[in-house]
Amino acid sequence: TEMAELASRRCKDGQSVAQITIGDPMIYSTSHYLLELVKQALPTERIHVVPGISAFQSAASSFGESLSIQEDRMRTFTRSSKTTSARYLIDTRSASQGLPSI
């Protein structure tokens, strides 16, 4: 809250304010919390979000691997997600391909 107030006050005073984050500010980022508070204090035309490159995009690029092509579906899970077990991922993939699950 304190940072949002400071950023909003400086913007209202005509200064430019930037928050730097690792990766994309809209994917699993703490930037979301600051942005929600700043939106309450400033008109939306004063707020600009610059997209970044997330770790999974960077890794795919480094390995030269496509994350999805044509009709593939891509899912991302948080590290703390309870649905990231190998069994869940295999069962989900099997079901989406019409194969029996294990």
N, C-alpha and C. Protein backbone atom coordinates (compact mmCIF):
# COMPACT_ATOMS: atom_id res chain seq x y z
N THR A 1 0.83 -1.19 0.00
CA THR A 1 0.00 0.00 0.00
C THR A 1 0.87 1.25 0.00
N GLU A 2 1.91 1.24 0.78
CA GLU A 2 2.80 2.41 0.86
C GLU A 2 3.45 2.70 -0.49
N MET A 3 3.90 1.65 -1.18
CA MET A 3 4.53 1.84 -2.49
C MET A 3 3.53 2.36 -3.52
N ALA A 4 2.30 1.87 -3.47
CA ALA A 4 1.27 2.33 -4.41
C ALA A 4 0.96 3.80 -4.18
N GLU A 5 0.90 4.21 -2.92
CA GLU A 5 0.64 5.61 -2.60
C GLU A 5 1.78 6.50 -3.09
N LEU A 6 3.00 6.05 -2.87
CA LEU A 6 4.17 6.81 -3.32
C LEU A 6 4.19 6.92 -4.84
N ALA A 7 3.98 5.82 -5.52
CA ALA A 7 3.97 5.84 -6.99
C ALA A 7 2.87 6.74 -7.52
N SER A 8 1.68 6.64 -6.96
CA SER A 8 0.55 7.46 -7.40
C SER A 8 0.82 8.94 -7.16
N ARG A 9 1.36 9.26 -6.00
CA ARG A 9 1.65 10.66 -5.67
C ARG A 9 2.68 11.24 -6.65
N ARG A 10 3.72 10.48 -6.94
CA ARG A 10 4.75 10.97 -7.87
C ARG A 10 4.18 11.14 -9.28
N CYS A 11 3.30 10.22 -9.69
CA CYS A 11 2.68 10.37 -11.01
C CYS A 11 1.81 11.61 -11.06
N LYS A 12 1.06 11.85 -10.01
CA LYS A 12 0.21 13.04 -9.95
C LYS A 12 1.03 14.33 -9.95
N ASP A 13 2.29 14.24 -9.47
CA ASP A 13 3.20 15.39 -9.47
C ASP A 13 3.91 15.55 -10.81
N GLY A 14 3.56 14.69 -11.80
CA GLY A 14 4.14 14.80 -13.13
C GLY A 14 5.39 13.98 -13.35
N GLN A 15 5.78 13.17 -12.39
CA GLN A 15 6.97 12.34 -12.56
C GLN A 15 6.60 11.00 -13.19
N SER A 16 7.58 10.39 -13.83
CA SER A 16 7.40 9.04 -14.35
C SER A 16 7.85 8.05 -13.29
N VAL A 17 7.11 6.98 -13.15
CA VAL A 17 7.42 5.96 -12.16
C VAL A 17 7.43 4.61 -12.87
N ALA A 18 8.40 3.76 -12.52
CA ALA A 18 8.48 2.43 -13.12
C ALA A 18 8.70 1.40 -12.02
N GLN A 19 8.08 0.26 -12.17
CA GLN A 19 8.37 -0.87 -11.30
C GLN A 19 8.99 -1.94 -12.19
N ILE A 20 10.14 -2.41 -11.83
CA ILE A 20 10.84 -3.41 -12.62
C ILE A 20 10.61 -4.77 -11.97
N THR A 21 10.29 -5.76 -12.78
CA THR A 21 10.06 -7.10 -12.27
C THR A 21 10.74 -8.11 -13.18
N ILE A 22 10.98 -9.29 -12.67
CA ILE A 22 11.59 -10.36 -13.47
C ILE A 22 10.47 -11.03 -14.27
N GLY A 23 10.67 -11.23 -15.54
CA GLY A 23 9.67 -11.91 -16.37
C GLY A 23 8.54 -10.98 -16.77
N ASP A 24 7.40 -11.55 -17.02
CA ASP A 24 6.23 -10.80 -17.45
C ASP A 24 5.48 -10.30 -16.22
N PRO A 25 5.14 -9.01 -16.15
CA PRO A 25 4.48 -8.48 -14.97
C PRO A 25 3.06 -9.00 -14.75
N MET A 26 2.50 -9.70 -15.72
CA MET A 26 1.13 -10.18 -15.59
C MET A 26 1.02 -11.69 -15.45
N ILE A 27 2.15 -12.38 -15.30
CA ILE A 27 2.14 -13.84 -15.11
C ILE A 27 2.82 -14.15 -13.78
N TYR A 28 2.07 -14.59 -12.80
CA TYR A 28 2.60 -14.98 -11.48
C TYR A 28 3.54 -13.91 -10.92
N SER A 29 3.11 -12.68 -10.95
CA SER A 29 3.98 -11.59 -10.53
C SER A 29 3.37 -10.79 -9.39
N THR A 30 4.21 -10.30 -8.52
CA THR A 30 3.72 -9.42 -7.46
C THR A 30 3.32 -8.05 -8.01
N SER A 31 3.66 -7.78 -9.25
CA SER A 31 3.27 -6.51 -9.87
C SER A 31 1.76 -6.33 -9.86
N HIS A 32 1.05 -7.41 -9.92
CA HIS A 32 -0.42 -7.37 -9.93
C HIS A 32 -0.96 -6.60 -8.73
N TYR A 33 -0.41 -6.87 -7.56
CA TYR A 33 -0.91 -6.24 -6.34
C TYR A 33 -0.69 -4.73 -6.36
N LEU A 34 0.48 -4.31 -6.79
CA LEU A 34 0.76 -2.88 -6.91
C LEU A 34 -0.14 -2.24 -7.96
N LEU A 35 -0.28 -2.91 -9.09
CA LEU A 35 -1.10 -2.39 -10.18
C LEU A 35 -2.56 -2.18 -9.74
N GLU A 36 -3.11 -3.13 -9.01
CA GLU A 36 -4.50 -3.00 -8.54
C GLU A 36 -4.68 -1.77 -7.67
N LEU A 37 -3.72 -1.50 -6.81
CA LEU A 37 -3.81 -0.32 -5.93
C LEU A 37 -3.62 0.97 -6.70
N VAL A 38 -2.68 0.99 -7.65
CA VAL A 38 -2.43 2.19 -8.43
C VAL A 38 -3.63 2.52 -9.32
N LYS A 39 -4.31 1.49 -9.82
CA LYS A 39 -5.51 1.70 -10.66
C LYS A 39 -6.60 2.46 -9.90
N GLN A 40 -6.62 2.31 -8.59
CA GLN A 40 -7.62 3.01 -7.78
C GLN A 40 -7.30 4.50 -7.65
N ALA A 41 -6.04 4.87 -7.85
CA ALA A 41 -5.61 6.24 -7.62
C ALA A 41 -5.38 7.04 -8.90
N LEU A 42 -5.16 6.35 -10.00
CA LEU A 42 -4.82 7.05 -11.25
C LEU A 42 -5.76 6.65 -12.38
N PRO A 43 -5.96 7.55 -13.34
CA PRO A 43 -6.75 7.17 -14.52
C PRO A 43 -5.98 6.13 -15.34
N THR A 44 -6.71 5.21 -15.95
CA THR A 44 -6.07 4.10 -16.68
C THR A 44 -5.16 4.58 -17.80
N GLU A 45 -5.43 5.73 -18.40
CA GLU A 45 -4.56 6.21 -19.48
C GLU A 45 -3.18 6.63 -18.98
N ARG A 46 -3.02 6.75 -17.67
CA ARG A 46 -1.71 7.09 -17.09
C ARG A 46 -0.90 5.85 -16.72
N ILE A 47 -1.51 4.67 -16.87
CA ILE A 47 -0.85 3.42 -16.46
C ILE A 47 -0.47 2.62 -17.71
N HIS A 48 0.77 2.22 -17.79
CA HIS A 48 1.26 1.45 -18.94
C HIS A 48 1.99 0.21 -18.43
N VAL A 49 1.59 -0.95 -18.91
CA VAL A 49 2.25 -2.20 -18.55
C VAL A 49 3.03 -2.68 -19.76
N VAL A 50 4.30 -2.90 -19.58
CA VAL A 50 5.15 -3.39 -20.67
C VAL A 50 5.35 -4.89 -20.46
N PRO A 51 4.91 -5.70 -21.42
CA PRO A 51 5.05 -7.15 -21.26
C PRO A 51 6.51 -7.57 -21.27
N GLY A 52 6.78 -8.62 -20.54
CA GLY A 52 8.14 -9.17 -20.48
C GLY A 52 8.16 -10.58 -21.01
N ILE A 53 9.27 -11.22 -20.84
CA ILE A 53 9.42 -12.61 -21.24
C ILE A 53 9.48 -13.45 -19.97
N SER A 54 8.58 -14.41 -19.86
CA SER A 54 8.57 -15.25 -18.67
C SER A 54 9.63 -16.35 -18.78
N ALA A 55 9.89 -17.00 -17.66
CA ALA A 55 10.92 -18.04 -17.64
C ALA A 55 10.59 -19.19 -18.59
N PHE A 56 9.31 -19.60 -18.65
CA PHE A 56 8.99 -20.73 -19.53
C PHE A 56 9.14 -20.35 -21.00
N GLN A 57 8.90 -19.10 -21.35
CA GLN A 57 9.12 -18.66 -22.72
C GLN A 57 10.61 -18.59 -23.04
N SER A 58 11.37 -18.09 -22.10
CA SER A 58 12.81 -17.99 -22.29
C SER A 58 13.44 -19.38 -22.43
N ALA A 59 13.00 -20.31 -21.59
CA ALA A 59 13.55 -21.68 -21.66
C ALA A 59 13.23 -22.32 -23.01
N ALA A 60 12.01 -22.18 -23.46
CA ALA A 60 11.63 -22.76 -24.76
C ALA A 60 12.49 -22.17 -25.88
N SER A 61 12.71 -20.87 -25.82
CA SER A 61 13.53 -20.22 -26.84
C SER A 61 14.97 -20.72 -26.78
N SER A 62 15.50 -20.84 -25.56
CA SER A 62 16.89 -21.31 -25.40
C SER A 62 17.09 -22.71 -25.97
N PHE A 63 16.09 -23.57 -25.79
CA PHE A 63 16.17 -24.94 -26.28
C PHE A 63 15.69 -25.09 -27.73
N GLY A 64 15.14 -24.01 -28.29
CA GLY A 64 14.63 -24.09 -29.66
C GLY A 64 13.41 -24.98 -29.77
N GLU A 65 12.61 -25.03 -28.71
CA GLU A 65 11.43 -25.89 -28.67
C GLU A 65 10.16 -25.05 -28.67
N SER A 66 9.21 -25.46 -29.47
CA SER A 66 7.91 -24.80 -29.48
C SER A 66 7.10 -25.24 -28.27
N LEU A 67 6.38 -24.33 -27.66
CA LEU A 67 5.54 -24.68 -26.52
C LEU A 67 4.23 -25.30 -26.97
N SER A 68 3.75 -24.89 -28.11
CA SER A 68 2.54 -25.49 -28.66
C SER A 68 2.49 -25.15 -30.15
N ILE A 69 1.97 -26.09 -30.92
CA ILE A 69 1.80 -25.87 -32.36
C ILE A 69 0.42 -26.36 -32.77
N GLN A 70 -0.09 -25.77 -33.79
CA GLN A 70 -1.40 -26.09 -34.36
C GLN A 70 -2.47 -26.23 -33.29
N GLU A 71 -2.96 -27.42 -33.05
CA GLU A 71 -4.06 -27.60 -32.12
C GLU A 71 -3.62 -28.02 -30.71
N ASP A 72 -2.31 -27.97 -30.44
CA ASP A 72 -1.82 -28.30 -29.09
C ASP A 72 -2.41 -27.33 -28.08
N ARG A 73 -2.56 -27.80 -26.87
CA ARG A 73 -2.97 -26.94 -25.77
C ARG A 73 -1.85 -26.89 -24.76
N MET A 74 -1.62 -25.72 -24.22
CA MET A 74 -0.55 -25.56 -23.25
C MET A 74 -1.16 -25.15 -21.91
N ARG A 75 -0.71 -25.78 -20.84
CA ARG A 75 -1.15 -25.44 -19.49
C ARG A 75 0.06 -25.02 -18.68
N THR A 76 -0.12 -24.04 -17.85
CA THR A 76 0.92 -23.68 -16.90
C THR A 76 0.38 -23.87 -15.50
N PHE A 77 1.22 -24.32 -14.62
CA PHE A 77 0.85 -24.56 -13.23
C PHE A 77 1.81 -23.81 -12.33
N THR A 78 1.31 -23.33 -11.23
CA THR A 78 2.20 -22.73 -10.25
C THR A 78 2.97 -23.83 -9.54
N ARG A 79 4.07 -23.48 -8.99
CA ARG A 79 4.88 -24.46 -8.26
C ARG A 79 4.11 -25.04 -7.09
N SER A 80 3.24 -24.27 -6.51
CA SER A 80 2.49 -24.74 -5.34
C SER A 80 1.19 -25.45 -5.71
N SER A 81 0.90 -25.55 -6.98
CA SER A 81 -0.35 -26.18 -7.41
C SER A 81 -0.39 -27.64 -7.00
N LYS A 82 -1.51 -28.06 -6.44
CA LYS A 82 -1.66 -29.44 -6.00
C LYS A 82 -1.93 -30.38 -7.18
N THR A 83 -2.16 -29.83 -8.35
CA THR A 83 -2.50 -30.65 -9.52
C THR A 83 -1.30 -30.91 -10.41
N THR A 84 -0.10 -30.67 -9.94
CA THR A 84 1.07 -30.85 -10.80
C THR A 84 1.73 -32.21 -10.66
N SER A 85 1.08 -33.14 -9.99
CA SER A 85 1.69 -34.46 -9.88
C SER A 85 1.78 -35.12 -11.24
N ALA A 86 2.76 -35.97 -11.41
CA ALA A 86 2.94 -36.65 -12.69
C ALA A 86 1.69 -37.44 -13.07
N ARG A 87 1.06 -38.08 -12.10
CA ARG A 87 -0.14 -38.87 -12.38
C ARG A 87 -1.25 -37.98 -12.96
N TYR A 88 -1.46 -36.81 -12.38
CA TYR A 88 -2.48 -35.89 -12.89
C TYR A 88 -2.16 -35.47 -14.33
N LEU A 89 -0.90 -35.11 -14.57
CA LEU A 89 -0.53 -34.67 -15.91
C LEU A 89 -0.68 -35.79 -16.93
N ILE A 90 -0.30 -37.00 -16.56
CA ILE A 90 -0.45 -38.13 -17.48
C ILE A 90 -1.92 -38.42 -17.73
N ASP A 91 -2.72 -38.45 -16.67
CA ASP A 91 -4.15 -38.72 -16.83
C ASP A 91 -4.82 -37.65 -17.68
N THR A 92 -4.46 -36.39 -17.48
CA THR A 92 -5.04 -35.29 -18.26
C THR A 92 -4.65 -35.42 -19.72
N ARG A 93 -3.40 -35.70 -19.98
CA ARG A 93 -2.94 -35.85 -21.36
C ARG A 93 -3.63 -37.03 -22.02
N SER A 94 -3.71 -38.15 -21.32
CA SER A 94 -4.36 -39.34 -21.87
C SER A 94 -5.81 -39.05 -22.21
N ALA A 95 -6.51 -38.39 -21.30
CA ALA A 95 -7.94 -38.10 -21.51
C ALA A 95 -8.12 -37.17 -22.70
N SER A 96 -7.23 -36.18 -22.86
CA SER A 96 -7.38 -35.23 -23.97
C SER A 96 -7.09 -35.89 -25.31
N GLN A 97 -6.35 -37.01 -25.30
CA GLN A 97 -6.01 -37.71 -26.54
C GLN A 97 -6.88 -38.93 -26.74
N GLY A 98 -7.89 -39.10 -25.88
CA GLY A 98 -8.79 -40.24 -26.02
C GLY A 98 -8.17 -41.56 -25.61
N LEU A 99 -7.08 -41.52 -24.82
CA LEU A 99 -6.42 -42.73 -24.38
C LEU A 99 -6.90 -43.08 -22.97
N PRO A 100 -6.83 -44.35 -22.58
CA PRO A 100 -7.20 -44.70 -21.22
C PRO A 100 -6.22 -44.11 -20.22
N SER A 101 -6.72 -43.68 -19.07
CA SER A 101 -5.83 -43.13 -18.06
C SER A 101 -5.23 -44.25 -17.25
N ILE A 102 -4.16 -43.93 -16.49
CA ILE A 102 -3.50 -44.95 -15.69
C ILE A 102 -3.97 -44.91 -14.26
